[in-house]
């Protein structure tokens, strides 16, 4: 990893999710990072398209990366496919949520088997 890439990742990691104490890199929101002679292209997603910071977060990424020495141009693009899931969390992101007593392994198991973990008991009248 180049010094420029390390500096860009460090800048991205300063941006935290507003609802979780996890930076957006460890949350798995950065889908792609291309760097070519100071020109940076970032593809990112959000945990949901209805995220209340959908307008703000890409701007924060743009501003943070633009401040890195050696960066001459930044483009931040939103992408929605594939949809974000708990499987996108980094090891550090998973560990942070586990420290909050959130059962990541259960969430991952439900994600991997295609279920939500929600059970609805429908009773018939009769």
Protein backbone atom coordinates (compact mmCIF):
# COMPACT_ATOMS: atom_id res chain seq x y z
CA UNK A 1 0.00 0.00 0.00
CA UNK A 2 1.39 3.40 -0.98
CA UNK A 3 1.78 6.32 1.40
CA UNK A 4 -0.91 8.20 -0.52
CA UNK A 5 -3.36 5.31 -0.20
CA UNK A 6 -2.62 5.04 3.53
CA UNK A 7 -3.25 8.78 3.96
CA UNK A 8 -6.51 8.58 1.99
CA UNK A 9 -7.73 5.65 4.07
CA UNK A 10 -6.79 7.49 7.25
CA UNK A 11 -8.84 10.48 6.07
CA UNK A 12 -11.82 8.26 5.25
CA UNK A 13 -11.59 6.60 8.66
CA UNK A 14 -12.14 9.97 10.36
CA UNK A 15 -15.74 9.91 9.16
CA UNK A 16 -18.04 8.12 11.57
CA UNK A 17 -21.49 6.73 11.03
CA UNK A 18 -23.89 9.04 12.91
CA UNK A 19 -25.71 6.14 14.59
CA UNK A 20 -22.83 3.77 15.31
CA UNK A 21 -19.38 4.49 16.74
CA UNK A 22 -17.74 3.00 13.65
CA UNK A 23 -15.94 4.77 10.84
CA UNK A 24 -17.39 4.32 7.38
CA UNK A 25 -14.43 2.27 6.16
CA UNK A 26 -14.81 -0.35 8.91
CA UNK A 27 -18.56 -0.24 8.40
CA UNK A 28 -17.91 -1.42 4.85
CA UNK A 29 -19.37 1.57 3.06
CA UNK A 30 -16.35 2.14 0.79
CA UNK A 31 -16.85 -0.21 -2.16
CA UNK A 32 -13.96 0.85 -4.37
CA UNK A 33 -10.97 3.15 -4.11
CA UNK A 34 -9.00 3.94 -7.26
CA UNK A 35 -5.94 6.19 -7.11
CA UNK A 36 -4.03 7.24 -10.22
CA UNK A 37 -1.35 9.92 -9.85
CA UNK A 38 -3.33 11.96 -7.32
CA UNK A 39 -6.70 11.47 -9.00
CA UNK A 40 -9.00 9.58 -6.61
CA UNK A 41 -12.26 7.85 -7.47
CA UNK A 42 -14.32 6.45 -4.61
CA UNK A 43 -17.44 4.31 -4.93
CA UNK A 44 -19.39 4.12 -1.71
CA UNK A 45 -22.74 3.00 -0.42
CA UNK A 46 -24.82 3.62 2.67
CA UNK A 47 -26.40 1.15 5.06
CA UNK A 48 -29.75 1.99 3.46
CA UNK A 49 -30.83 4.25 0.58
CA UNK A 50 -33.14 6.00 3.06
CA UNK A 51 -30.22 6.92 5.31
CA UNK A 52 -30.80 10.35 6.87
CA UNK A 53 -27.23 11.40 6.02
CA UNK A 54 -27.41 10.33 2.37
CA UNK A 55 -26.68 13.89 1.23
CA UNK A 56 -24.03 14.63 3.82
CA UNK A 57 -21.83 11.51 3.89
CA UNK A 58 -20.47 11.64 0.30
CA UNK A 59 -19.66 15.32 0.83
CA UNK A 60 -17.77 14.48 4.02
CA UNK A 61 -15.76 11.84 2.14
CA UNK A 62 -15.00 14.29 -0.68
CA UNK A 63 -13.87 17.00 1.73
CA UNK A 64 -11.71 14.69 3.88
CA UNK A 65 -9.94 13.10 0.91
CA UNK A 66 -9.50 16.46 -0.84
CA UNK A 67 -7.41 17.65 2.12
CA UNK A 68 -4.84 14.84 1.74
CA UNK A 69 -1.45 15.98 0.44
CA UNK A 70 -0.87 14.55 -3.02
CA UNK A 71 -4.56 14.36 -3.98
CA UNK A 72 -5.31 16.54 -6.99
CA UNK A 73 -8.88 15.49 -7.83
CA UNK A 74 -11.60 13.53 -6.00
CA UNK A 75 -14.79 11.96 -7.29
CA UNK A 76 -17.22 10.26 -4.91
CA UNK A 77 -19.87 8.08 -6.50
CA UNK A 78 -22.80 6.43 -4.74
CA UNK A 79 -23.55 2.83 -5.62
CA UNK A 80 -26.39 0.68 -4.31
CA UNK A 81 -25.54 -2.74 -5.72
CA UNK A 82 -24.82 -4.91 -3.94
CA UNK A 83 -26.85 -3.65 -1.01
CA UNK A 84 -24.92 -3.14 2.24
CA UNK A 85 -25.13 -5.91 4.82
CA UNK A 86 -23.42 -6.86 8.08
CA UNK A 87 -21.15 -9.10 6.00
CA UNK A 88 -19.46 -5.90 4.74
CA UNK A 89 -18.13 -4.98 8.20
CA UNK A 90 -14.38 -5.20 8.66
CA UNK A 91 -12.97 -7.26 11.53
CA UNK A 92 -12.58 -4.03 13.50
CA UNK A 93 -16.18 -3.02 12.74
CA UNK A 94 -17.48 -6.40 13.89
CA UNK A 95 -15.40 -6.23 17.06
CA UNK A 96 -16.72 -2.74 17.82
CA UNK A 97 -20.32 -3.89 17.50
CA UNK A 98 -19.61 -6.96 19.61
CA UNK A 99 -18.25 -4.66 22.33
CA UNK A 100 -21.64 -2.94 22.20
CA UNK A 101 -23.18 -6.36 22.91
CA UNK A 102 -24.60 -6.68 19.40
CA UNK A 103 -24.62 -10.31 18.28
CA UNK A 104 -22.85 -10.02 14.93
CA UNK A 105 -22.49 -13.79 14.48
CA UNK A 106 -26.26 -14.19 14.73
CA UNK A 107 -26.80 -11.36 12.24
CA UNK A 108 -24.25 -12.88 9.85
CA UNK A 109 -25.85 -16.32 10.12
CA UNK A 110 -29.24 -14.82 9.28
CA UNK A 111 -27.71 -12.91 6.37
CA UNK A 112 -25.96 -16.04 5.05
CA UNK A 113 -29.08 -18.22 5.20
CA UNK A 114 -31.27 -15.49 3.70
CA UNK A 115 -33.56 -14.99 6.67
CA UNK A 116 -34.20 -11.97 8.82
CA UNK A 117 -34.46 -13.63 12.20
CA UNK A 118 -38.01 -12.29 12.45
CA UNK A 119 -40.68 -14.85 13.28
CA UNK A 120 -44.34 -14.09 12.76
CA UNK A 121 -46.86 -16.31 14.49
CA UNK A 122 -50.09 -16.09 12.55
CA UNK A 123 -53.04 -17.63 14.33
CA UNK A 124 -56.24 -18.55 12.61
CA UNK A 125 -59.51 -17.44 14.15
CA UNK A 126 -61.82 -20.24 14.57
